[in-house]
């Protein structure tokens, strides 16, 4: 198992978000064509038309660029999940929608571009900060649903909530993590409904 990396270094140079976004967009296109692992910062600089030194004013490494792209992708998934959860009225349905949307959004995003999928697998393997932050936000959303369900009487209250949240998160993790997701493609049609039903039965008061 690869040990977790330390928190990514903030971007260097002036806080010019427009230039950072421009580099990120160009890098996304370049990585999707040639792949993340095979691309160097020099390759990227040449393709974008910037000097290597200029890129280093905004990103201290290729991984930092990859982290920004990865974070953007994960925010897209998270936004879709939160929107689905917000549409449901009661906690059990929120939990079902959370399971279903995470699987659908992850599959769509991670499978539509195999080259960019390399970034996701690198992020998961090396435990980039962007993935750690995303997983923490998903766990927090899950815990909020559980807390609401306990308040409404839909869920049991005896088990410590952090223990319950972690157990359910571990059930969901094969569909959150791109390294694990690629081994779960045969189950993605039925897994969200079956797993959420199993979890909801265990949460019954």
N, C-alpha and C. Protein backbone atom coordinates (compact mmCIF):
# COMPACT_ATOMS: atom_id res chain seq x y z
N UNK A 1 0.85 -1.20 0.00
CA UNK A 1 0.00 0.00 0.00
C UNK A 1 0.88 1.24 0.00
N UNK A 2 0.56 2.16 -0.87
CA UNK A 2 1.34 3.39 -0.95
C UNK A 2 0.94 4.32 0.18
N UNK A 3 1.91 4.87 0.87
CA UNK A 3 1.57 5.75 1.98
C UNK A 3 1.04 7.07 1.48
N UNK A 4 0.27 7.71 2.33
CA UNK A 4 -0.37 8.96 1.95
C UNK A 4 0.65 10.04 1.71
N UNK A 5 0.39 10.88 0.72
CA UNK A 5 1.26 12.01 0.50
C UNK A 5 0.90 13.12 1.46
N UNK A 6 1.79 14.07 1.63
CA UNK A 6 1.52 15.20 2.51
C UNK A 6 0.61 16.17 1.78
N UNK A 7 0.07 17.11 2.50
CA UNK A 7 -0.84 18.10 1.90
C UNK A 7 -0.13 18.83 0.78
N UNK A 8 -0.83 19.00 -0.33
CA UNK A 8 -0.23 19.61 -1.50
C UNK A 8 0.18 21.05 -1.22
N UNK A 9 1.28 21.45 -1.87
CA UNK A 9 1.80 22.80 -1.68
C UNK A 9 0.94 23.80 -2.42
N UNK A 10 0.60 24.93 -1.82
CA UNK A 10 -0.20 25.94 -2.51
C UNK A 10 0.50 26.42 -3.78
N UNK A 11 -0.27 26.93 -4.71
CA UNK A 11 0.30 27.41 -5.96
C UNK A 11 1.26 28.54 -5.70
N UNK A 12 2.35 28.56 -6.47
CA UNK A 12 3.34 29.63 -6.33
C UNK A 12 2.92 30.82 -7.16
N UNK A 13 3.66 31.92 -6.98
CA UNK A 13 3.45 33.09 -7.81
C UNK A 13 2.18 33.84 -7.47
N UNK A 14 1.82 34.78 -8.32
CA UNK A 14 0.64 35.61 -8.08
C UNK A 14 -0.63 34.79 -8.10
N UNK A 15 -1.61 35.23 -7.32
CA UNK A 15 -2.87 34.50 -7.22
C UNK A 15 -3.75 34.86 -8.41
N UNK A 16 -3.33 34.48 -9.59
CA UNK A 16 -4.06 34.79 -10.80
C UNK A 16 -4.87 33.56 -11.20
N UNK A 17 -6.13 33.53 -10.76
CA UNK A 17 -6.96 32.35 -10.98
C UNK A 17 -7.22 32.11 -12.46
N UNK A 18 -7.28 33.18 -13.22
CA UNK A 18 -7.57 33.02 -14.65
C UNK A 18 -6.47 32.24 -15.35
N UNK A 19 -5.21 32.55 -15.03
CA UNK A 19 -4.09 31.83 -15.63
C UNK A 19 -4.05 30.39 -15.14
N UNK A 20 -4.29 30.19 -13.86
CA UNK A 20 -4.33 28.83 -13.30
C UNK A 20 -5.41 28.00 -13.99
N UNK A 21 -6.57 28.60 -14.18
CA UNK A 21 -7.66 27.89 -14.85
C UNK A 21 -7.30 27.58 -16.30
N UNK A 22 -6.59 28.52 -16.94
CA UNK A 22 -6.18 28.32 -18.33
C UNK A 22 -5.20 27.16 -18.43
N UNK A 23 -4.26 27.10 -17.51
CA UNK A 23 -3.29 26.00 -17.48
C UNK A 23 -4.00 24.69 -17.20
N UNK A 24 -4.91 24.72 -16.24
CA UNK A 24 -5.65 23.51 -15.88
C UNK A 24 -6.47 22.98 -17.04
N UNK A 25 -7.15 23.88 -17.75
CA UNK A 25 -7.97 23.47 -18.89
C UNK A 25 -7.10 22.87 -20.00
N UNK A 26 -5.98 23.52 -20.28
CA UNK A 26 -5.08 23.01 -21.32
C UNK A 26 -4.47 21.68 -20.90
N UNK A 27 -4.14 21.55 -19.62
CA UNK A 27 -3.58 20.31 -19.11
C UNK A 27 -4.59 19.18 -19.19
N UNK A 28 -5.86 19.48 -18.88
CA UNK A 28 -6.91 18.47 -18.97
C UNK A 28 -7.01 17.93 -20.38
N UNK A 29 -6.99 18.83 -21.35
CA UNK A 29 -7.07 18.41 -22.76
C UNK A 29 -5.84 17.59 -23.16
N UNK A 30 -4.66 18.05 -22.71
CA UNK A 30 -3.42 17.36 -23.07
C UNK A 30 -3.36 15.97 -22.42
N UNK A 31 -3.70 15.89 -21.14
CA UNK A 31 -3.68 14.60 -20.45
C UNK A 31 -4.69 13.63 -21.07
N UNK A 32 -5.84 14.17 -21.50
CA UNK A 32 -6.86 13.29 -22.08
C UNK A 32 -6.42 12.72 -23.42
N UNK A 33 -5.48 13.39 -24.05
CA UNK A 33 -4.99 12.92 -25.36
C UNK A 33 -3.78 12.00 -25.21
N UNK A 34 -2.85 12.37 -24.31
CA UNK A 34 -1.60 11.63 -24.23
C UNK A 34 -1.43 10.83 -22.93
N UNK A 35 -2.29 11.10 -21.95
CA UNK A 35 -2.17 10.38 -20.69
C UNK A 35 -1.38 11.16 -19.66
N UNK A 36 -1.74 10.98 -18.41
CA UNK A 36 -1.09 11.71 -17.32
C UNK A 36 0.32 11.21 -17.06
N UNK A 37 0.49 9.91 -16.98
CA UNK A 37 1.78 9.35 -16.61
C UNK A 37 2.87 9.65 -17.63
N UNK A 38 2.50 9.70 -18.90
CA UNK A 38 3.49 9.88 -19.97
C UNK A 38 3.82 11.34 -20.25
N UNK A 39 3.10 12.25 -19.62
CA UNK A 39 3.30 13.68 -19.88
C UNK A 39 4.19 14.31 -18.82
N UNK A 40 5.15 15.09 -19.26
CA UNK A 40 6.00 15.85 -18.33
C UNK A 40 5.55 17.31 -18.34
N UNK A 41 6.04 18.07 -17.38
CA UNK A 41 5.72 19.50 -17.35
C UNK A 41 6.28 20.18 -18.59
N UNK A 42 7.43 19.72 -19.07
CA UNK A 42 8.02 20.28 -20.29
C UNK A 42 7.11 20.03 -21.49
N UNK A 43 6.55 18.82 -21.59
CA UNK A 43 5.61 18.51 -22.67
C UNK A 43 4.40 19.43 -22.59
N UNK A 44 3.92 19.62 -21.38
CA UNK A 44 2.73 20.44 -21.17
C UNK A 44 3.01 21.90 -21.53
N UNK A 45 4.16 22.40 -21.12
CA UNK A 45 4.53 23.79 -21.42
C UNK A 45 4.60 24.03 -22.92
N UNK A 46 5.18 23.07 -23.62
CA UNK A 46 5.30 23.18 -25.07
C UNK A 46 3.93 23.18 -25.74
N UNK A 47 3.05 22.31 -25.26
CA UNK A 47 1.71 22.20 -25.85
C UNK A 47 0.88 23.45 -25.59
N UNK A 48 1.03 24.02 -24.40
CA UNK A 48 0.24 25.19 -24.02
C UNK A 48 0.78 26.46 -24.66
N UNK A 49 2.11 26.49 -24.86
CA UNK A 49 2.73 27.69 -25.39
C UNK A 49 3.31 28.58 -24.32
N UNK A 50 3.39 28.06 -23.08
CA UNK A 50 4.03 28.76 -21.98
C UNK A 50 5.42 28.17 -21.75
N UNK A 51 6.24 28.91 -21.07
CA UNK A 51 7.53 28.34 -20.67
C UNK A 51 7.32 27.46 -19.44
N UNK A 52 8.22 26.50 -19.28
CA UNK A 52 8.15 25.62 -18.11
C UNK A 52 8.24 26.44 -16.82
N UNK A 53 9.12 27.44 -16.83
CA UNK A 53 9.30 28.28 -15.64
C UNK A 53 8.02 29.04 -15.31
N UNK A 54 7.28 29.46 -16.35
CA UNK A 54 6.05 30.20 -16.11
C UNK A 54 4.99 29.31 -15.47
N UNK A 55 4.91 28.07 -15.92
CA UNK A 55 3.95 27.13 -15.32
C UNK A 55 4.29 26.91 -13.85
N UNK A 56 5.59 26.85 -13.54
CA UNK A 56 6.01 26.62 -12.16
C UNK A 56 5.71 27.82 -11.25
N UNK A 57 5.35 28.95 -11.83
CA UNK A 57 4.91 30.07 -11.00
C UNK A 57 3.55 29.79 -10.38
N UNK A 58 2.78 28.91 -11.02
CA UNK A 58 1.42 28.65 -10.57
C UNK A 58 1.23 27.26 -9.98
N UNK A 59 2.04 26.30 -10.41
CA UNK A 59 1.96 24.93 -9.91
C UNK A 59 3.38 24.43 -9.66
N UNK A 60 3.61 23.86 -8.48
CA UNK A 60 4.97 23.46 -8.15
C UNK A 60 5.36 22.08 -8.69
N UNK A 61 4.42 21.38 -9.35
CA UNK A 61 4.74 20.06 -9.90
C UNK A 61 3.61 19.62 -10.83
N UNK A 62 3.88 18.55 -11.57
CA UNK A 62 2.83 17.97 -12.40
C UNK A 62 1.69 17.45 -11.53
N UNK A 63 2.04 16.90 -10.37
CA UNK A 63 1.01 16.40 -9.47
C UNK A 63 0.08 17.52 -9.03
N UNK A 64 0.62 18.71 -8.79
CA UNK A 64 -0.22 19.84 -8.38
C UNK A 64 -1.25 20.18 -9.46
N UNK A 65 -0.83 20.06 -10.72
CA UNK A 65 -1.78 20.29 -11.82
C UNK A 65 -2.82 19.17 -11.81
N UNK A 66 -2.34 17.94 -11.67
CA UNK A 66 -3.24 16.80 -11.62
C UNK A 66 -4.23 16.90 -10.47
N UNK A 67 -3.76 17.41 -9.32
CA UNK A 67 -4.64 17.56 -8.15
C UNK A 67 -5.77 18.55 -8.43
N UNK A 68 -5.45 19.62 -9.14
CA UNK A 68 -6.48 20.61 -9.45
C UNK A 68 -7.53 20.00 -10.38
N UNK A 69 -7.07 19.25 -11.38
CA UNK A 69 -7.99 18.59 -12.31
C UNK A 69 -8.84 17.57 -11.55
N UNK A 70 -8.18 16.80 -10.69
CA UNK A 70 -8.87 15.78 -9.90
C UNK A 70 -9.91 16.43 -8.98
N UNK A 71 -9.53 17.51 -8.33
CA UNK A 71 -10.44 18.21 -7.42
C UNK A 71 -11.66 18.72 -8.17
N UNK A 72 -11.46 19.23 -9.40
CA UNK A 72 -12.59 19.71 -10.20
C UNK A 72 -13.55 18.57 -10.53
N UNK A 73 -12.99 17.41 -10.89
CA UNK A 73 -13.83 16.24 -11.20
C UNK A 73 -14.61 15.78 -9.98
N UNK A 74 -13.95 15.75 -8.84
CA UNK A 74 -14.60 15.28 -7.62
C UNK A 74 -15.67 16.26 -7.15
N UNK A 75 -15.44 17.54 -7.35
CA UNK A 75 -16.46 18.53 -7.01
C UNK A 75 -17.70 18.35 -7.88
N UNK A 76 -17.47 17.95 -9.13
CA UNK A 76 -18.60 17.71 -10.04
C UNK A 76 -19.45 16.54 -9.52
N UNK A 77 -18.79 15.46 -9.09
CA UNK A 77 -19.51 14.32 -8.53
C UNK A 77 -20.25 14.74 -7.26
N UNK A 78 -19.52 15.42 -6.37
CA UNK A 78 -20.11 15.82 -5.09
C UNK A 78 -21.32 16.73 -5.28
N UNK A 79 -21.23 17.64 -6.23
CA UNK A 79 -22.34 18.55 -6.49
C UNK A 79 -23.58 17.77 -6.95
N UNK A 80 -23.37 16.77 -7.78
CA UNK A 80 -24.48 15.95 -8.26
C UNK A 80 -25.09 15.14 -7.12
N UNK A 81 -24.24 14.61 -6.24
CA UNK A 81 -24.72 13.82 -5.10
C UNK A 81 -25.54 14.70 -4.16
N UNK A 82 -25.03 15.87 -3.84
CA UNK A 82 -25.74 16.77 -2.92
C UNK A 82 -27.08 17.22 -3.50
N UNK A 83 -27.12 17.46 -4.80
CA UNK A 83 -28.37 17.87 -5.43
C UNK A 83 -29.40 16.75 -5.34
N UNK A 84 -28.96 15.51 -5.54
CA UNK A 84 -29.87 14.37 -5.45
C UNK A 84 -30.38 14.18 -4.03
N UNK A 85 -29.49 14.34 -3.06
CA UNK A 85 -29.88 14.20 -1.65
C UNK A 85 -30.86 15.29 -1.25
N UNK A 86 -30.63 16.50 -1.70
CA UNK A 86 -31.49 17.63 -1.34
C UNK A 86 -32.90 17.48 -1.91
N UNK A 87 -33.05 16.72 -2.98
CA UNK A 87 -34.37 16.54 -3.58
C UNK A 87 -35.25 15.58 -2.78
N UNK A 88 -34.63 14.76 -1.93
CA UNK A 88 -35.39 13.79 -1.14
C UNK A 88 -35.88 14.44 0.16
N UNK A 89 -37.04 14.00 0.63
CA UNK A 89 -37.62 14.59 1.83
C UNK A 89 -37.18 13.89 3.11
N UNK A 90 -37.17 12.56 3.10
CA UNK A 90 -36.87 11.82 4.33
C UNK A 90 -35.50 11.16 4.24
N UNK A 91 -34.84 10.97 5.39
CA UNK A 91 -33.48 10.41 5.42
C UNK A 91 -33.31 9.06 4.71
N UNK A 92 -34.24 8.10 4.81
CA UNK A 92 -34.03 6.84 4.09
C UNK A 92 -33.90 7.05 2.58
N UNK A 93 -34.74 7.92 2.03
CA UNK A 93 -34.67 8.19 0.59
C UNK A 93 -33.40 8.97 0.26
N UNK A 94 -32.96 9.83 1.16
CA UNK A 94 -31.70 10.56 0.94
C UNK A 94 -30.54 9.58 0.85
N UNK A 95 -30.55 8.58 1.71
CA UNK A 95 -29.49 7.58 1.70
C UNK A 95 -29.52 6.78 0.40
N UNK A 96 -30.72 6.39 -0.04
CA UNK A 96 -30.83 5.66 -1.31
C UNK A 96 -30.31 6.49 -2.48
N UNK A 97 -30.70 7.75 -2.49
CA UNK A 97 -30.26 8.63 -3.58
C UNK A 97 -28.75 8.85 -3.54
N UNK A 98 -28.20 8.91 -2.34
CA UNK A 98 -26.76 9.09 -2.20
C UNK A 98 -26.02 7.91 -2.82
N UNK A 99 -26.42 6.69 -2.46
CA UNK A 99 -25.82 5.49 -3.04
C UNK A 99 -25.91 5.51 -4.56
N UNK A 100 -27.12 5.71 -5.06
CA UNK A 100 -27.37 5.63 -6.49
C UNK A 100 -26.59 6.67 -7.28
N UNK A 101 -26.59 7.90 -6.79
CA UNK A 101 -25.96 8.98 -7.53
C UNK A 101 -24.44 8.89 -7.50
N UNK A 102 -23.87 8.45 -6.39
CA UNK A 102 -22.43 8.29 -6.32
C UNK A 102 -21.96 7.28 -7.35
N UNK A 103 -22.66 6.16 -7.46
CA UNK A 103 -22.28 5.13 -8.44
C UNK A 103 -22.43 5.67 -9.86
N UNK A 104 -23.57 6.27 -10.16
CA UNK A 104 -23.82 6.75 -11.52
C UNK A 104 -22.85 7.86 -11.92
N UNK A 105 -22.65 8.82 -11.02
CA UNK A 105 -21.77 9.95 -11.34
C UNK A 105 -20.32 9.51 -11.45
N UNK A 106 -19.88 8.63 -10.57
CA UNK A 106 -18.51 8.15 -10.63
C UNK A 106 -18.25 7.37 -11.91
N UNK A 107 -19.18 6.49 -12.27
CA UNK A 107 -19.04 5.72 -13.50
C UNK A 107 -18.97 6.63 -14.72
N UNK A 108 -19.86 7.59 -14.78
CA UNK A 108 -19.92 8.49 -15.93
C UNK A 108 -18.65 9.31 -16.06
N UNK A 109 -18.18 9.83 -14.94
CA UNK A 109 -17.02 10.70 -14.98
C UNK A 109 -15.72 9.93 -15.21
N UNK A 110 -15.61 8.78 -14.55
CA UNK A 110 -14.36 8.03 -14.63
C UNK A 110 -14.25 7.16 -15.88
N UNK A 111 -15.37 6.92 -16.56
CA UNK A 111 -15.31 6.04 -17.72
C UNK A 111 -15.41 6.77 -19.05
N UNK A 112 -15.76 8.05 -19.02
CA UNK A 112 -15.95 8.75 -20.29
C UNK A 112 -14.61 9.13 -20.93
N UNK A 113 -13.55 9.11 -20.17
CA UNK A 113 -12.25 9.46 -20.73
C UNK A 113 -11.19 8.60 -20.05
N UNK A 114 -10.72 7.58 -20.74
CA UNK A 114 -9.79 6.63 -20.13
C UNK A 114 -8.44 7.26 -19.79
N UNK A 115 -8.03 8.26 -20.54
CA UNK A 115 -6.75 8.91 -20.24
C UNK A 115 -6.84 9.71 -18.94
N UNK A 116 -7.94 10.43 -18.77
CA UNK A 116 -8.10 11.19 -17.53
C UNK A 116 -8.32 10.26 -16.34
N UNK A 117 -8.79 9.07 -16.62
CA UNK A 117 -8.96 8.08 -15.56
C UNK A 117 -7.62 7.78 -14.88
N UNK A 118 -6.52 7.93 -15.65
CA UNK A 118 -5.19 7.73 -15.07
C UNK A 118 -4.94 8.68 -13.91
N UNK A 119 -5.44 9.91 -14.04
CA UNK A 119 -5.26 10.88 -12.96
C UNK A 119 -6.00 10.41 -11.72
N UNK A 120 -7.22 9.92 -11.92
CA UNK A 120 -8.02 9.44 -10.79
C UNK A 120 -7.34 8.26 -10.10
N UNK A 121 -6.78 7.35 -10.89
CA UNK A 121 -6.12 6.19 -10.28
C UNK A 121 -4.83 6.60 -9.56
N UNK A 122 -4.10 7.54 -10.13
CA UNK A 122 -2.90 8.05 -9.45
C UNK A 122 -3.27 8.72 -8.14
N UNK A 123 -4.34 9.51 -8.18
CA UNK A 123 -4.80 10.21 -6.98
C UNK A 123 -5.20 9.23 -5.89
N UNK A 124 -5.88 8.14 -6.28
CA UNK A 124 -6.32 7.15 -5.30
C UNK A 124 -5.14 6.33 -4.77
N UNK A 125 -4.22 5.98 -5.66
CA UNK A 125 -3.06 5.17 -5.26
C UNK A 125 -2.16 5.93 -4.31
N UNK A 126 -1.91 7.18 -4.62
CA UNK A 126 -0.96 7.98 -3.84
C UNK A 126 -1.63 8.80 -2.75
N UNK A 127 -2.96 8.66 -2.64
CA UNK A 127 -3.74 9.35 -1.60
C UNK A 127 -3.50 10.86 -1.65
N UNK A 128 -3.74 11.45 -2.82
CA UNK A 128 -3.61 12.89 -2.96
C UNK A 128 -4.60 13.58 -2.03
N UNK A 129 -4.24 14.80 -1.64
CA UNK A 129 -5.07 15.53 -0.70
C UNK A 129 -6.46 15.79 -1.25
N UNK A 130 -6.57 15.98 -2.56
CA UNK A 130 -7.88 16.22 -3.16
C UNK A 130 -8.82 15.05 -2.91
N UNK A 131 -8.31 13.82 -2.98
CA UNK A 131 -9.16 12.65 -2.74
C UNK A 131 -9.47 12.50 -1.25
N UNK A 132 -8.52 12.80 -0.40
CA UNK A 132 -8.76 12.72 1.05
C UNK A 132 -9.84 13.71 1.47
N UNK A 133 -9.77 14.93 0.93
CA UNK A 133 -10.77 15.95 1.26
C UNK A 133 -12.14 15.55 0.75
N UNK A 134 -12.19 14.98 -0.45
CA UNK A 134 -13.46 14.54 -1.03
C UNK A 134 -14.08 13.43 -0.17
N UNK A 135 -13.28 12.44 0.20
CA UNK A 135 -13.80 11.34 1.01
C UNK A 135 -14.31 11.85 2.36
N UNK A 136 -13.61 12.82 2.92
CA UNK A 136 -14.05 13.38 4.21
C UNK A 136 -15.37 14.11 4.07
N UNK A 137 -15.56 14.84 2.98
CA UNK A 137 -16.83 15.54 2.76
C UNK A 137 -17.98 14.55 2.54
N UNK A 138 -17.70 13.46 1.85
CA UNK A 138 -18.73 12.43 1.63
C UNK A 138 -19.11 11.79 2.96
N UNK A 139 -18.12 11.50 3.80
CA UNK A 139 -18.42 10.92 5.12
C UNK A 139 -19.24 11.89 5.96
N UNK A 140 -18.93 13.18 5.86
CA UNK A 140 -19.67 14.18 6.62
C UNK A 140 -21.12 14.26 6.13
N UNK A 141 -21.33 14.21 4.83
CA UNK A 141 -22.68 14.22 4.28
C UNK A 141 -23.44 12.99 4.75
N UNK A 142 -22.79 11.86 4.74
CA UNK A 142 -23.42 10.62 5.21
C UNK A 142 -23.80 10.73 6.68
N UNK A 143 -22.90 11.27 7.49
CA UNK A 143 -23.18 11.40 8.92
C UNK A 143 -24.33 12.38 9.17
N UNK A 144 -24.42 13.43 8.36
CA UNK A 144 -25.53 14.38 8.49
C UNK A 144 -26.87 13.69 8.20
N UNK A 145 -26.89 12.82 7.19
CA UNK A 145 -28.12 12.08 6.87
C UNK A 145 -28.49 11.16 8.02
N UNK A 146 -27.49 10.49 8.57
CA UNK A 146 -27.75 9.59 9.70
C UNK A 146 -28.27 10.35 10.91
N UNK A 147 -27.67 11.50 11.18
CA UNK A 147 -28.11 12.32 12.31
C UNK A 147 -29.55 12.77 12.12
N UNK A 148 -29.89 13.18 10.92
CA UNK A 148 -31.27 13.60 10.64
C UNK A 148 -32.22 12.43 10.81
N UNK A 149 -31.80 11.24 10.35
CA UNK A 149 -32.64 10.06 10.48
C UNK A 149 -32.88 9.66 11.92
N UNK A 150 -31.92 9.90 12.77
CA UNK A 150 -32.10 9.61 14.19
C UNK A 150 -33.08 10.60 14.81
N UNK A 151 -33.01 11.82 14.36
CA UNK A 151 -33.91 12.84 14.90
C UNK A 151 -35.35 12.62 14.47
N UNK A 152 -35.54 12.09 13.25
CA UNK A 152 -36.90 11.85 12.75
C UNK A 152 -37.44 10.49 13.20
N UNK A 153 -36.59 9.67 13.81
CA UNK A 153 -37.02 8.35 14.25
C UNK A 153 -36.93 7.28 13.18
N UNK A 154 -36.34 7.60 12.03
CA UNK A 154 -36.20 6.63 10.95
C UNK A 154 -35.05 5.64 11.21
N UNK A 155 -34.04 6.07 11.96
CA UNK A 155 -32.85 5.24 12.19
C UNK A 155 -32.65 4.97 13.67
N UNK A 156 -32.03 3.84 13.96
CA UNK A 156 -31.73 3.48 15.36
C UNK A 156 -30.71 4.45 15.94
N UNK A 157 -30.70 4.52 17.28
CA UNK A 157 -29.84 5.50 17.96
C UNK A 157 -28.82 4.87 18.90
N UNK A 158 -28.80 3.53 19.00
CA UNK A 158 -27.95 2.89 19.99
C UNK A 158 -26.47 2.86 19.58
N UNK A 159 -26.21 2.59 18.31
CA UNK A 159 -24.83 2.49 17.84
C UNK A 159 -24.21 3.88 17.75
N UNK A 160 -22.98 4.06 18.21
CA UNK A 160 -22.32 5.37 18.06
C UNK A 160 -22.37 5.81 16.60
N UNK A 161 -22.73 7.06 16.40
CA UNK A 161 -22.98 7.51 15.03
C UNK A 161 -21.72 7.51 14.17
N UNK A 162 -20.56 7.78 14.77
CA UNK A 162 -19.34 7.77 13.97
C UNK A 162 -19.00 6.35 13.51
N UNK A 163 -19.31 5.37 14.36
CA UNK A 163 -19.10 3.96 14.00
C UNK A 163 -20.04 3.56 12.86
N UNK A 164 -21.29 3.97 12.96
CA UNK A 164 -22.27 3.67 11.92
C UNK A 164 -21.88 4.32 10.60
N UNK A 165 -21.49 5.58 10.66
CA UNK A 165 -21.11 6.31 9.44
C UNK A 165 -19.92 5.66 8.76
N UNK A 166 -18.93 5.24 9.53
CA UNK A 166 -17.75 4.62 8.94
C UNK A 166 -18.09 3.27 8.31
N UNK A 167 -18.94 2.49 8.98
CA UNK A 167 -19.33 1.18 8.45
C UNK A 167 -20.05 1.34 7.10
N UNK A 168 -20.97 2.30 7.02
CA UNK A 168 -21.69 2.52 5.77
C UNK A 168 -20.75 3.07 4.70
N UNK A 169 -19.84 3.94 5.10
CA UNK A 169 -18.87 4.49 4.15
C UNK A 169 -18.03 3.36 3.54
N UNK A 170 -17.65 2.39 4.34
CA UNK A 170 -16.84 1.28 3.83
C UNK A 170 -17.63 0.42 2.84
N UNK A 171 -18.96 0.37 3.02
CA UNK A 171 -19.81 -0.32 2.05
C UNK A 171 -19.83 0.43 0.73
N UNK A 172 -19.82 1.76 0.81
CA UNK A 172 -19.88 2.61 -0.38
C UNK A 172 -18.53 2.76 -1.08
N UNK A 173 -17.45 2.55 -0.35
CA UNK A 173 -16.12 2.90 -0.85
C UNK A 173 -15.75 2.23 -2.18
N UNK A 174 -16.12 0.97 -2.43
CA UNK A 174 -15.78 0.39 -3.73
C UNK A 174 -16.33 1.14 -4.93
N UNK A 175 -17.33 1.99 -4.69
CA UNK A 175 -17.93 2.76 -5.78
C UNK A 175 -17.50 4.22 -5.75
N UNK A 176 -16.70 4.58 -4.76
CA UNK A 176 -16.13 5.92 -4.66
C UNK A 176 -14.71 5.96 -5.20
N UNK A 177 -13.97 4.90 -4.93
CA UNK A 177 -12.56 4.85 -5.25
C UNK A 177 -12.36 4.28 -6.66
N UNK A 178 -11.71 5.03 -7.56
CA UNK A 178 -11.57 4.55 -8.94
C UNK A 178 -10.77 3.26 -9.07
N UNK A 179 -9.83 3.03 -8.16
CA UNK A 179 -9.08 1.77 -8.19
C UNK A 179 -9.99 0.59 -7.92
N UNK A 180 -10.94 0.76 -7.00
CA UNK A 180 -11.87 -0.31 -6.66
C UNK A 180 -13.04 -0.36 -7.63
N UNK A 181 -13.44 0.79 -8.13
CA UNK A 181 -14.58 0.86 -9.02
C UNK A 181 -14.37 0.03 -10.28
N UNK A 182 -13.15 0.03 -10.79
CA UNK A 182 -12.88 -0.71 -12.02
C UNK A 182 -13.06 -2.22 -11.86
N UNK A 183 -13.08 -2.69 -10.61
CA UNK A 183 -13.31 -4.11 -10.35
C UNK A 183 -14.77 -4.39 -9.98
N UNK A 184 -15.60 -3.35 -10.02
CA UNK A 184 -17.00 -3.51 -9.59
C UNK A 184 -17.99 -3.23 -10.71
N UNK A 185 -17.51 -3.12 -11.94
CA UNK A 185 -18.39 -2.76 -13.05
C UNK A 185 -19.54 -3.74 -13.23
N UNK A 186 -19.32 -5.02 -12.94
CA UNK A 186 -20.36 -6.03 -13.13
C UNK A 186 -21.52 -5.88 -12.15
N UNK A 187 -21.33 -5.08 -11.10
CA UNK A 187 -22.34 -4.99 -10.05
C UNK A 187 -23.00 -3.62 -9.97
N UNK A 188 -22.58 -2.70 -10.83
CA UNK A 188 -23.04 -1.32 -10.67
C UNK A 188 -24.53 -1.12 -10.98
N UNK A 189 -25.13 -2.01 -11.77
CA UNK A 189 -26.56 -1.87 -12.07
C UNK A 189 -27.43 -2.16 -10.85
N UNK A 190 -27.05 -3.18 -10.11
CA UNK A 190 -27.87 -3.64 -8.99
C UNK A 190 -27.36 -3.20 -7.62
N UNK A 191 -26.07 -2.90 -7.53
CA UNK A 191 -25.47 -2.64 -6.22
C UNK A 191 -26.11 -1.49 -5.45
N UNK A 192 -26.38 -0.32 -6.07
CA UNK A 192 -26.92 0.80 -5.28
C UNK A 192 -28.21 0.44 -4.55
N UNK A 193 -29.15 -0.20 -5.26
CA UNK A 193 -30.44 -0.55 -4.64
C UNK A 193 -30.26 -1.63 -3.58
N UNK A 194 -29.48 -2.65 -3.89
CA UNK A 194 -29.32 -3.77 -2.97
C UNK A 194 -28.56 -3.36 -1.71
N UNK A 195 -27.48 -2.62 -1.89
CA UNK A 195 -26.68 -2.22 -0.74
C UNK A 195 -27.42 -1.21 0.13
N UNK A 196 -28.10 -0.26 -0.49
CA UNK A 196 -28.83 0.73 0.31
C UNK A 196 -29.98 0.07 1.07
N UNK A 197 -30.62 -0.94 0.46
CA UNK A 197 -31.69 -1.66 1.17
C UNK A 197 -31.14 -2.41 2.37
N UNK A 198 -29.99 -3.04 2.18
CA UNK A 198 -29.35 -3.76 3.28
C UNK A 198 -28.97 -2.81 4.41
N UNK A 199 -28.39 -1.68 4.05
CA UNK A 199 -27.99 -0.69 5.05
C UNK A 199 -29.21 -0.14 5.79
N UNK A 200 -30.26 0.16 5.06
CA UNK A 200 -31.47 0.71 5.69
C UNK A 200 -32.11 -0.29 6.64
N UNK A 201 -32.06 -1.58 6.32
CA UNK A 201 -32.59 -2.58 7.24
C UNK A 201 -31.78 -2.61 8.52
N UNK A 202 -30.47 -2.43 8.38
CA UNK A 202 -29.62 -2.43 9.58
C UNK A 202 -29.83 -1.19 10.42
N UNK A 203 -30.32 -0.11 9.81
CA UNK A 203 -30.55 1.15 10.53
C UNK A 203 -31.95 1.23 11.14
N UNK A 204 -32.79 0.27 10.84
CA UNK A 204 -34.16 0.31 11.33
C UNK A 204 -34.20 0.33 12.86
N UNK A 205 -34.99 1.22 13.45
CA UNK A 205 -35.03 1.33 14.92
C UNK A 205 -35.71 0.12 15.56
